[in-house]
């Protein structure tokens, strides 16, 4: 098991574009395994996706939790080839309507994302896959693909003129959100 440290802002690697994977070899398999081990290790908050840049590897590789199949999907060189016009607001069918990120710990916000997308990618067996994602899984896929472009969810909130919240605790230790002025 190779749990990696998740990079957090303001680490400059999080703002760089990732390189396409040219060949799926042992180096790439190790990155994928490190991503899986690191994602499984996350408890609070529980991660539902992770990208290679978040562990300091600038390759177009990300993991996405599929709510439908209850499996972690590996997307290599993912490309969104279709987006629905209908947008989410807030995150669909989730008890927590806010989007967050393991690389931006303690911050949350509402991000409008496409309700459905089609993604073309390679799987771990180097097989070309075109898959439609919808709802929560579409949100996670868009979030992780953004990471591969050096885009964070807080960037999306700011471009959409939304609000960013910080998680705090009251005197009883109960969580609450407070708006962050930017």
N, C-alpha and C. Protein backbone atom coordinates (compact mmCIF):
# COMPACT_ATOMS: atom_id res chain seq x y z
N UNK A 1 0.85 -1.18 0.00
CA UNK A 1 0.00 0.00 0.00
C UNK A 1 0.89 1.23 0.00
N UNK A 2 0.60 2.19 -0.89
CA UNK A 2 1.40 3.41 -1.00
C UNK A 2 0.50 4.65 -0.92
N UNK A 3 0.15 4.99 0.31
CA UNK A 3 -0.67 6.18 0.51
C UNK A 3 0.21 7.40 0.33
N UNK A 4 -0.24 8.31 -0.52
CA UNK A 4 0.52 9.52 -0.84
C UNK A 4 -0.08 10.72 -0.10
N UNK A 5 0.75 11.71 0.09
CA UNK A 5 0.28 12.98 0.68
C UNK A 5 -0.51 13.71 -0.39
N UNK A 6 -1.69 14.18 -0.01
CA UNK A 6 -2.50 14.96 -0.95
C UNK A 6 -2.04 16.41 -0.88
N UNK A 7 -1.70 16.95 -2.05
CA UNK A 7 -1.28 18.34 -2.12
C UNK A 7 -2.47 19.25 -1.84
N UNK A 8 -2.21 20.34 -1.14
CA UNK A 8 -3.27 21.30 -0.85
C UNK A 8 -2.85 22.69 -1.35
N UNK A 9 -3.85 23.56 -1.50
CA UNK A 9 -3.54 24.92 -1.94
C UNK A 9 -2.66 25.57 -0.89
N UNK A 10 -1.70 26.35 -1.25
CA UNK A 10 -1.42 26.96 -2.56
C UNK A 10 -0.37 26.22 -3.38
N UNK A 11 -0.20 24.90 -3.24
CA UNK A 11 0.83 24.19 -3.98
C UNK A 11 0.67 24.47 -5.49
N UNK A 12 1.73 24.96 -6.15
CA UNK A 12 1.63 25.34 -7.56
C UNK A 12 1.36 24.18 -8.52
N UNK A 13 1.66 22.94 -8.12
CA UNK A 13 1.38 21.80 -9.01
C UNK A 13 -0.12 21.66 -9.28
N UNK A 14 -0.94 22.10 -8.33
CA UNK A 14 -2.40 21.99 -8.50
C UNK A 14 -2.91 22.92 -9.61
N UNK A 15 -2.10 23.88 -10.02
CA UNK A 15 -2.51 24.86 -11.05
C UNK A 15 -1.92 24.55 -12.42
N UNK A 16 -1.20 23.44 -12.53
CA UNK A 16 -0.59 23.09 -13.81
C UNK A 16 -1.43 22.09 -14.58
N UNK A 17 -1.34 22.17 -15.92
CA UNK A 17 -2.03 21.20 -16.76
C UNK A 17 -1.25 19.89 -16.76
N UNK A 18 -1.98 18.80 -16.76
CA UNK A 18 -1.36 17.48 -16.77
C UNK A 18 -1.08 17.02 -18.20
N UNK A 19 -0.07 16.16 -18.32
CA UNK A 19 0.32 15.61 -19.62
C UNK A 19 -0.51 14.36 -19.91
N UNK A 20 -0.85 14.15 -21.19
CA UNK A 20 -1.54 12.90 -21.54
C UNK A 20 -0.64 11.70 -21.26
N UNK A 21 -1.26 10.59 -20.95
CA UNK A 21 -0.53 9.33 -20.79
C UNK A 21 -0.31 8.78 -22.20
N UNK A 22 0.96 8.53 -22.53
CA UNK A 22 1.31 8.02 -23.86
C UNK A 22 1.28 6.50 -23.88
N UNK A 23 1.76 5.90 -22.78
CA UNK A 23 1.81 4.45 -22.70
C UNK A 23 1.44 4.03 -21.28
N UNK A 24 0.54 3.05 -21.17
CA UNK A 24 0.16 2.54 -19.87
C UNK A 24 1.17 1.45 -19.50
N UNK A 25 2.14 1.84 -18.67
CA UNK A 25 3.21 0.94 -18.28
C UNK A 25 3.25 0.83 -16.75
N UNK A 26 4.31 0.24 -16.22
CA UNK A 26 4.42 0.04 -14.77
C UNK A 26 4.38 1.36 -14.00
N UNK A 27 4.98 2.39 -14.55
CA UNK A 27 4.98 3.72 -13.90
C UNK A 27 3.53 4.22 -13.74
N UNK A 28 2.74 4.06 -14.79
CA UNK A 28 1.34 4.52 -14.77
C UNK A 28 0.52 3.63 -13.83
N UNK A 29 0.75 2.32 -13.87
CA UNK A 29 0.03 1.43 -12.95
C UNK A 29 0.34 1.77 -11.49
N UNK A 30 1.58 2.16 -11.21
CA UNK A 30 1.95 2.55 -9.84
C UNK A 30 1.20 3.81 -9.42
N UNK A 31 1.10 4.79 -10.32
CA UNK A 31 0.36 6.01 -10.02
C UNK A 31 -1.11 5.68 -9.73
N UNK A 32 -1.69 4.81 -10.56
CA UNK A 32 -3.10 4.42 -10.37
C UNK A 32 -3.28 3.73 -9.01
N UNK A 33 -2.37 2.82 -8.68
CA UNK A 33 -2.48 2.13 -7.39
C UNK A 33 -2.30 3.11 -6.23
N UNK A 34 -1.35 4.03 -6.36
CA UNK A 34 -1.17 5.05 -5.32
C UNK A 34 -2.43 5.89 -5.15
N UNK A 35 -3.07 6.25 -6.27
CA UNK A 35 -4.32 7.02 -6.20
C UNK A 35 -5.39 6.22 -5.46
N UNK A 36 -5.54 4.94 -5.80
CA UNK A 36 -6.55 4.09 -5.15
C UNK A 36 -6.27 3.96 -3.66
N UNK A 37 -5.02 3.69 -3.31
CA UNK A 37 -4.66 3.54 -1.89
C UNK A 37 -4.92 4.83 -1.12
N UNK A 38 -4.55 5.95 -1.73
CA UNK A 38 -4.71 7.25 -1.08
C UNK A 38 -6.19 7.59 -0.91
N UNK A 39 -6.98 7.34 -1.94
CA UNK A 39 -8.42 7.64 -1.86
C UNK A 39 -9.10 6.78 -0.81
N UNK A 40 -8.77 5.50 -0.75
CA UNK A 40 -9.38 4.60 0.23
C UNK A 40 -9.05 5.00 1.66
N UNK A 41 -7.89 5.62 1.85
CA UNK A 41 -7.42 6.02 3.17
C UNK A 41 -8.17 7.24 3.72
N UNK A 42 -8.77 8.03 2.85
CA UNK A 42 -9.45 9.27 3.26
C UNK A 42 -10.73 8.95 4.03
N UNK A 43 -10.82 9.50 5.23
CA UNK A 43 -11.98 9.22 6.06
C UNK A 43 -12.86 10.45 6.29
N UNK A 44 -12.25 11.56 6.64
CA UNK A 44 -13.05 12.72 7.03
C UNK A 44 -12.48 13.98 6.41
N UNK A 45 -12.99 14.48 5.31
CA UNK A 45 -14.16 13.93 4.61
C UNK A 45 -13.78 12.74 3.72
N UNK A 46 -14.74 11.91 3.45
CA UNK A 46 -14.55 10.75 2.59
C UNK A 46 -14.46 11.23 1.15
N UNK A 47 -13.34 10.93 0.48
CA UNK A 47 -13.17 11.35 -0.91
C UNK A 47 -13.97 10.48 -1.86
N UNK A 48 -14.49 11.08 -2.92
CA UNK A 48 -15.24 10.35 -3.94
C UNK A 48 -14.54 10.44 -5.29
N UNK A 49 -13.37 11.04 -5.31
CA UNK A 49 -12.57 11.13 -6.52
C UNK A 49 -11.19 11.66 -6.16
N UNK A 50 -10.24 11.43 -7.05
CA UNK A 50 -8.88 11.90 -6.82
C UNK A 50 -8.17 11.92 -8.17
N UNK A 51 -7.34 12.93 -8.36
CA UNK A 51 -6.60 13.04 -9.62
C UNK A 51 -5.10 12.97 -9.35
N UNK A 52 -4.35 12.56 -10.37
CA UNK A 52 -2.91 12.41 -10.24
C UNK A 52 -2.22 13.72 -9.79
N UNK A 53 -2.63 14.90 -10.30
CA UNK A 53 -1.97 16.12 -9.82
C UNK A 53 -2.09 16.32 -8.30
N UNK A 54 -3.14 15.79 -7.71
CA UNK A 54 -3.34 15.95 -6.27
C UNK A 54 -2.30 15.18 -5.45
N UNK A 55 -1.62 14.22 -6.09
CA UNK A 55 -0.52 13.54 -5.40
C UNK A 55 0.81 13.89 -6.06
N UNK A 56 0.82 14.98 -6.80
CA UNK A 56 2.07 15.50 -7.36
C UNK A 56 2.51 14.85 -8.66
N UNK A 57 1.62 14.13 -9.34
CA UNK A 57 1.94 13.49 -10.62
C UNK A 57 1.14 14.16 -11.72
N UNK A 58 1.82 14.84 -12.62
CA UNK A 58 1.12 15.62 -13.65
C UNK A 58 0.81 14.78 -14.89
N UNK A 59 -0.02 13.76 -14.68
CA UNK A 59 -0.51 12.91 -15.75
C UNK A 59 -2.04 12.96 -15.76
N UNK A 60 -2.63 12.78 -16.93
CA UNK A 60 -4.09 12.81 -17.07
C UNK A 60 -4.69 11.48 -16.61
N UNK A 61 -4.73 11.34 -15.30
CA UNK A 61 -5.30 10.15 -14.67
C UNK A 61 -6.15 10.62 -13.50
N UNK A 62 -7.37 10.09 -13.40
CA UNK A 62 -8.19 10.40 -12.23
C UNK A 62 -9.07 9.21 -11.88
N UNK A 63 -9.50 9.21 -10.64
CA UNK A 63 -10.43 8.20 -10.14
C UNK A 63 -11.77 8.88 -9.88
N UNK A 64 -12.85 8.18 -10.19
CA UNK A 64 -14.19 8.70 -9.99
C UNK A 64 -15.03 7.60 -9.35
N UNK A 65 -15.67 7.93 -8.23
CA UNK A 65 -16.59 6.97 -7.60
C UNK A 65 -17.90 7.00 -8.35
N UNK A 66 -18.32 5.84 -8.84
CA UNK A 66 -19.60 5.72 -9.52
C UNK A 66 -20.66 5.32 -8.49
N UNK A 67 -21.59 6.23 -8.26
CA UNK A 67 -22.65 5.95 -7.28
C UNK A 67 -23.52 4.78 -7.74
N UNK A 68 -23.68 4.65 -9.06
CA UNK A 68 -24.52 3.60 -9.62
C UNK A 68 -23.92 2.21 -9.40
N UNK A 69 -22.64 2.04 -9.78
CA UNK A 69 -22.01 0.72 -9.67
C UNK A 69 -21.30 0.51 -8.33
N UNK A 70 -21.16 1.60 -7.55
CA UNK A 70 -20.46 1.56 -6.26
C UNK A 70 -18.98 1.16 -6.44
N UNK A 71 -18.42 1.50 -7.59
CA UNK A 71 -17.03 1.17 -7.89
C UNK A 71 -16.24 2.45 -8.16
N UNK A 72 -14.93 2.33 -7.97
CA UNK A 72 -14.03 3.40 -8.32
C UNK A 72 -13.58 3.16 -9.77
N UNK A 73 -13.84 4.13 -10.63
CA UNK A 73 -13.46 4.02 -12.03
C UNK A 73 -12.15 4.77 -12.26
N UNK A 74 -11.29 4.20 -13.08
CA UNK A 74 -10.04 4.85 -13.46
C UNK A 74 -10.21 5.44 -14.85
N UNK A 75 -9.99 6.74 -14.96
CA UNK A 75 -10.10 7.44 -16.24
C UNK A 75 -8.71 7.93 -16.63
N UNK A 76 -8.22 7.46 -17.77
CA UNK A 76 -6.92 7.88 -18.29
C UNK A 76 -7.17 8.71 -19.54
N UNK A 77 -6.55 9.88 -19.60
CA UNK A 77 -6.74 10.83 -20.70
C UNK A 77 -8.23 11.13 -20.95
N UNK A 78 -8.98 11.43 -19.89
CA UNK A 78 -10.41 11.67 -20.09
C UNK A 78 -10.68 12.96 -20.85
N UNK A 79 -11.69 12.88 -21.71
CA UNK A 79 -12.12 14.04 -22.49
C UNK A 79 -13.64 14.08 -22.49
N UNK A 80 -14.20 15.19 -22.05
CA UNK A 80 -15.65 15.34 -22.09
C UNK A 80 -16.03 15.65 -23.54
N UNK A 81 -16.84 14.76 -24.14
CA UNK A 81 -17.19 14.91 -25.55
C UNK A 81 -18.63 15.39 -25.75
N UNK A 82 -19.39 15.44 -24.66
CA UNK A 82 -20.77 15.95 -24.72
C UNK A 82 -21.19 16.39 -23.33
N UNK A 83 -21.95 17.49 -23.29
CA UNK A 83 -22.45 18.01 -22.02
C UNK A 83 -23.93 18.35 -22.19
N UNK A 84 -24.74 18.00 -21.21
CA UNK A 84 -26.15 18.39 -21.24
C UNK A 84 -26.24 19.90 -21.03
N UNK A 85 -27.32 20.47 -21.51
CA UNK A 85 -27.54 21.90 -21.28
C UNK A 85 -28.00 22.13 -19.83
N UNK A 86 -28.68 21.13 -19.28
CA UNK A 86 -29.21 21.26 -17.92
C UNK A 86 -28.06 21.18 -16.90
N UNK A 87 -28.11 22.10 -15.95
CA UNK A 87 -27.04 22.20 -14.95
C UNK A 87 -27.54 21.78 -13.57
N UNK A 88 -26.61 21.36 -12.73
CA UNK A 88 -26.93 21.04 -11.34
C UNK A 88 -26.90 22.32 -10.53
N UNK A 89 -27.68 22.35 -9.49
CA UNK A 89 -27.64 23.48 -8.54
C UNK A 89 -28.55 23.15 -7.38
N UNK A 90 -28.10 22.58 -6.34
CA UNK A 90 -26.74 22.17 -5.99
C UNK A 90 -26.43 20.76 -6.45
N UNK A 91 -25.38 20.13 -5.83
CA UNK A 91 -24.99 18.76 -6.16
C UNK A 91 -26.20 17.84 -6.00
N UNK A 92 -26.52 17.06 -7.03
CA UNK A 92 -27.76 16.27 -7.01
C UNK A 92 -27.72 15.05 -6.10
N UNK A 93 -28.88 14.77 -5.49
CA UNK A 93 -29.11 13.55 -4.71
C UNK A 93 -27.98 13.23 -3.74
N UNK A 94 -27.60 14.23 -3.01
CA UNK A 94 -26.54 14.05 -2.02
C UNK A 94 -26.99 14.78 -0.76
N UNK A 95 -26.80 14.16 0.40
CA UNK A 95 -27.25 14.81 1.62
C UNK A 95 -26.49 16.11 1.89
N UNK A 96 -25.26 16.20 1.40
CA UNK A 96 -24.50 17.44 1.47
C UNK A 96 -24.56 18.10 0.10
N UNK A 97 -25.25 19.21 -0.05
CA UNK A 97 -25.40 19.82 -1.38
C UNK A 97 -24.15 20.57 -1.85
N UNK A 98 -23.14 20.68 -0.99
CA UNK A 98 -21.96 21.47 -1.31
C UNK A 98 -20.86 20.59 -1.91
N UNK A 99 -20.09 21.21 -2.78
CA UNK A 99 -18.92 20.55 -3.35
C UNK A 99 -17.71 20.94 -2.52
N UNK A 100 -16.82 19.99 -2.31
CA UNK A 100 -15.58 20.24 -1.59
C UNK A 100 -14.44 19.54 -2.30
N UNK A 101 -13.25 19.60 -1.72
CA UNK A 101 -12.08 19.02 -2.37
C UNK A 101 -11.03 18.67 -1.32
N UNK A 102 -10.41 17.52 -1.48
CA UNK A 102 -9.36 17.11 -0.56
C UNK A 102 -8.14 18.03 -0.64
N UNK A 103 -7.98 18.74 -1.76
CA UNK A 103 -6.87 19.68 -1.92
C UNK A 103 -7.21 21.09 -1.44
N UNK A 104 -8.46 21.30 -1.08
CA UNK A 104 -8.91 22.59 -0.53
C UNK A 104 -9.67 22.27 0.76
N UNK A 105 -8.97 21.73 1.75
CA UNK A 105 -9.65 21.21 2.95
C UNK A 105 -10.37 22.29 3.74
N UNK A 106 -11.58 21.92 4.18
CA UNK A 106 -12.35 22.82 5.05
C UNK A 106 -13.18 23.86 4.32
N UNK A 107 -13.18 23.84 2.99
CA UNK A 107 -13.93 24.83 2.21
C UNK A 107 -14.95 24.12 1.33
N UNK A 108 -16.11 24.76 1.16
CA UNK A 108 -17.23 24.17 0.45
C UNK A 108 -17.94 25.24 -0.36
N UNK A 109 -18.72 24.81 -1.33
CA UNK A 109 -19.53 25.76 -2.10
C UNK A 109 -20.42 25.04 -3.09
N UNK A 110 -21.33 25.82 -3.64
CA UNK A 110 -22.25 25.29 -4.66
C UNK A 110 -21.62 25.58 -6.02
N UNK A 111 -21.45 24.52 -6.81
CA UNK A 111 -20.90 24.66 -8.16
C UNK A 111 -21.95 24.16 -9.15
N UNK A 112 -22.26 24.98 -10.12
CA UNK A 112 -23.18 24.54 -11.17
C UNK A 112 -22.37 23.74 -12.19
N UNK A 113 -22.78 22.51 -12.39
CA UNK A 113 -22.10 21.63 -13.34
C UNK A 113 -23.15 20.97 -14.23
N UNK A 114 -22.72 20.41 -15.33
CA UNK A 114 -23.64 19.74 -16.25
C UNK A 114 -24.22 18.49 -15.59
N UNK A 115 -25.54 18.31 -15.72
CA UNK A 115 -26.20 17.16 -15.08
C UNK A 115 -25.77 15.85 -15.72
N UNK A 116 -25.47 15.89 -17.02
CA UNK A 116 -25.03 14.69 -17.72
C UNK A 116 -23.85 15.05 -18.63
N UNK A 117 -22.92 14.11 -18.73
CA UNK A 117 -21.78 14.27 -19.63
C UNK A 117 -21.45 12.92 -20.25
N UNK A 118 -20.79 12.96 -21.41
CA UNK A 118 -20.20 11.76 -21.99
C UNK A 118 -18.70 11.98 -21.99
N UNK A 119 -17.99 10.97 -21.54
CA UNK A 119 -16.53 11.07 -21.43
C UNK A 119 -15.90 9.93 -22.23
N UNK A 120 -14.88 10.31 -23.01
CA UNK A 120 -14.06 9.33 -23.72
C UNK A 120 -12.76 9.21 -22.94
N UNK A 121 -12.38 7.98 -22.60
CA UNK A 121 -11.16 7.76 -21.83
C UNK A 121 -10.64 6.34 -22.05
N UNK A 122 -9.43 6.12 -21.58
CA UNK A 122 -8.87 4.77 -21.56
C UNK A 122 -9.04 4.21 -20.16
N UNK A 123 -9.34 2.93 -20.06
CA UNK A 123 -9.38 2.30 -18.75
C UNK A 123 -8.01 1.70 -18.45
N UNK A 124 -7.90 1.02 -17.32
CA UNK A 124 -6.61 0.45 -16.90
C UNK A 124 -6.09 -0.62 -17.85
N UNK A 125 -6.98 -1.20 -18.65
CA UNK A 125 -6.57 -2.25 -19.59
C UNK A 125 -6.27 -1.67 -20.97
N UNK A 126 -6.17 -0.33 -21.03
CA UNK A 126 -5.88 0.38 -22.28
C UNK A 126 -7.02 0.27 -23.29
N UNK A 127 -8.24 0.04 -22.77
CA UNK A 127 -9.42 -0.07 -23.63
C UNK A 127 -10.09 1.30 -23.71
N UNK A 128 -10.44 1.70 -24.93
CA UNK A 128 -11.14 2.95 -25.12
C UNK A 128 -12.59 2.80 -24.65
N UNK A 129 -13.02 3.73 -23.81
CA UNK A 129 -14.36 3.70 -23.24
C UNK A 129 -15.04 5.03 -23.52
N UNK A 130 -16.30 4.96 -23.91
CA UNK A 130 -17.13 6.17 -23.97
C UNK A 130 -18.30 5.88 -23.04
N UNK A 131 -18.42 6.71 -22.01
CA UNK A 131 -19.41 6.44 -20.96
C UNK A 131 -20.17 7.71 -20.62
N UNK A 132 -21.46 7.53 -20.40
CA UNK A 132 -22.31 8.63 -19.97
C UNK A 132 -22.38 8.62 -18.45
N UNK A 133 -22.15 9.78 -17.87
CA UNK A 133 -22.27 9.95 -16.43
C UNK A 133 -23.41 10.92 -16.18
N UNK A 134 -24.15 10.68 -15.11
CA UNK A 134 -25.23 11.61 -14.77
C UNK A 134 -25.25 11.85 -13.27
N UNK A 135 -25.93 12.93 -12.88
CA UNK A 135 -26.11 13.25 -11.48
C UNK A 135 -24.81 13.41 -10.72
N UNK A 136 -24.77 12.81 -9.55
CA UNK A 136 -23.62 12.93 -8.65
C UNK A 136 -22.31 12.49 -9.32
N UNK A 137 -22.35 11.36 -10.04
CA UNK A 137 -21.15 10.85 -10.68
C UNK A 137 -20.65 11.81 -11.77
N UNK A 138 -21.56 12.47 -12.48
CA UNK A 138 -21.17 13.47 -13.48
C UNK A 138 -20.45 14.64 -12.81
N UNK A 139 -20.95 15.04 -11.65
CA UNK A 139 -20.31 16.14 -10.90
C UNK A 139 -18.89 15.74 -10.50
N UNK A 140 -18.73 14.54 -9.96
CA UNK A 140 -17.41 14.07 -9.53
C UNK A 140 -16.46 14.01 -10.73
N UNK A 141 -16.93 13.47 -11.85
CA UNK A 141 -16.08 13.36 -13.04
C UNK A 141 -15.64 14.74 -13.53
N UNK A 142 -16.56 15.71 -13.56
CA UNK A 142 -16.20 17.06 -14.01
C UNK A 142 -15.19 17.70 -13.05
N UNK A 143 -15.38 17.49 -11.76
CA UNK A 143 -14.47 18.03 -10.75
C UNK A 143 -13.06 17.46 -10.96
N UNK A 144 -12.95 16.15 -11.15
CA UNK A 144 -11.64 15.52 -11.31
C UNK A 144 -10.99 15.87 -12.64
N UNK A 145 -11.76 15.96 -13.70
CA UNK A 145 -11.21 16.35 -15.00
C UNK A 145 -10.72 17.80 -14.93
N UNK A 146 -11.42 18.65 -14.18
CA UNK A 146 -10.93 20.02 -13.96
C UNK A 146 -9.53 20.01 -13.35
N UNK A 147 -9.29 19.12 -12.39
CA UNK A 147 -7.96 19.03 -11.77
C UNK A 147 -6.87 18.81 -12.82
N UNK A 148 -7.18 18.02 -13.84
CA UNK A 148 -6.19 17.71 -14.87
C UNK A 148 -5.85 18.94 -15.71
N UNK A 149 -6.72 19.95 -15.65
CA UNK A 149 -6.49 21.22 -16.36
C UNK A 149 -5.96 22.31 -15.43
N UNK A 150 -5.73 21.96 -14.17
CA UNK A 150 -5.23 22.95 -13.21
C UNK A 150 -6.32 23.85 -12.66
N UNK A 151 -7.57 23.38 -12.73
CA UNK A 151 -8.73 24.16 -12.27
C UNK A 151 -9.26 23.54 -10.98
N UNK A 152 -9.50 24.38 -9.97
CA UNK A 152 -10.06 23.92 -8.70
C UNK A 152 -11.54 24.32 -8.61
N UNK A 153 -12.28 23.63 -7.77
CA UNK A 153 -13.72 23.92 -7.65
C UNK A 153 -13.96 25.36 -7.19
N UNK A 154 -13.05 25.91 -6.41
CA UNK A 154 -13.23 27.31 -5.96
C UNK A 154 -13.13 28.27 -7.14
N UNK A 155 -12.36 27.90 -8.17
CA UNK A 155 -12.30 28.71 -9.39
C UNK A 155 -13.67 28.74 -10.06
N UNK A 156 -14.32 27.60 -10.11
CA UNK A 156 -15.66 27.51 -10.73
C UNK A 156 -16.66 28.35 -9.93
N UNK A 157 -16.57 28.29 -8.61
CA UNK A 157 -17.49 29.08 -7.78
C UNK A 157 -17.29 30.57 -8.06
N UNK A 158 -16.05 31.00 -8.11
CA UNK A 158 -15.77 32.42 -8.35
C UNK A 158 -16.22 32.86 -9.74
N UNK A 159 -16.00 32.04 -10.76
CA UNK A 159 -16.43 32.42 -12.12
C UNK A 159 -17.97 32.45 -12.21
N UNK A 160 -18.64 31.65 -11.37
CA UNK A 160 -20.10 31.64 -11.35
C UNK A 160 -20.67 32.65 -10.35
N UNK A 161 -19.78 33.43 -9.74
CA UNK A 161 -20.15 34.45 -8.76
C UNK A 161 -20.92 33.86 -7.58
N UNK A 162 -20.49 32.66 -7.17
CA UNK A 162 -21.11 31.98 -6.04
C UNK A 162 -20.39 32.32 -4.74
N UNK A 163 -20.75 31.60 -3.70
CA UNK A 163 -20.19 31.83 -2.37
C UNK A 163 -19.33 30.64 -1.95
N UNK A 164 -18.25 30.95 -1.25
CA UNK A 164 -17.38 29.93 -0.69
C UNK A 164 -17.57 29.95 0.82
N UNK A 165 -17.68 28.75 1.39
CA UNK A 165 -17.91 28.62 2.83
C UNK A 165 -16.76 27.85 3.47
N UNK A 166 -16.47 28.21 4.72
CA UNK A 166 -15.47 27.49 5.50
C UNK A 166 -16.18 26.72 6.60
N UNK A 167 -15.73 25.49 6.81
CA UNK A 167 -16.30 24.65 7.85
C UNK A 167 -15.70 25.04 9.20
N UNK A 168 -16.56 25.31 10.16
CA UNK A 168 -16.15 25.67 11.53
C UNK A 168 -16.88 24.78 12.51
N UNK A 169 -16.48 24.85 13.76
CA UNK A 169 -17.16 24.10 14.82
C UNK A 169 -17.62 25.08 15.90
N UNK A 170 -18.83 24.82 16.43
CA UNK A 170 -19.33 25.67 17.52
C UNK A 170 -18.80 25.14 18.86
N UNK A 171 -19.25 25.75 19.95
CA UNK A 171 -18.76 25.37 21.30
C UNK A 171 -19.04 23.91 21.64
N UNK A 172 -20.10 23.34 21.07
CA UNK A 172 -20.45 21.94 21.32
C UNK A 172 -19.73 20.98 20.36
N UNK A 173 -18.91 21.53 19.46
CA UNK A 173 -18.19 20.69 18.50
C UNK A 173 -19.01 20.35 17.27
N UNK A 174 -20.14 21.03 17.10
CA UNK A 174 -21.01 20.76 15.95
C UNK A 174 -20.53 21.61 14.76
N UNK A 175 -20.53 20.98 13.57
CA UNK A 175 -20.08 21.66 12.37
C UNK A 175 -21.08 22.72 11.89
N UNK A 176 -20.55 23.82 11.36
CA UNK A 176 -21.38 24.80 10.67
C UNK A 176 -20.52 25.49 9.63
N UNK A 177 -21.17 26.10 8.64
CA UNK A 177 -20.46 26.79 7.57
C UNK A 177 -20.57 28.29 7.75
N UNK A 178 -19.48 28.99 7.44
CA UNK A 178 -19.48 30.45 7.48
C UNK A 178 -18.95 30.95 6.14
N UNK A 179 -19.62 31.94 5.57
CA UNK A 179 -19.20 32.48 4.28
C UNK A 179 -17.85 33.16 4.38
N UNK A 180 -17.01 32.88 3.39
CA UNK A 180 -15.68 33.49 3.32
C UNK A 180 -15.77 34.66 2.35
N UNK A 181 -15.34 35.82 2.78
CA UNK A 181 -15.35 37.00 1.90
C UNK A 181 -14.06 37.01 1.09
N UNK A 182 -14.21 37.10 -0.23
CA UNK A 182 -13.03 37.09 -1.10
C UNK A 182 -12.93 38.39 -1.86
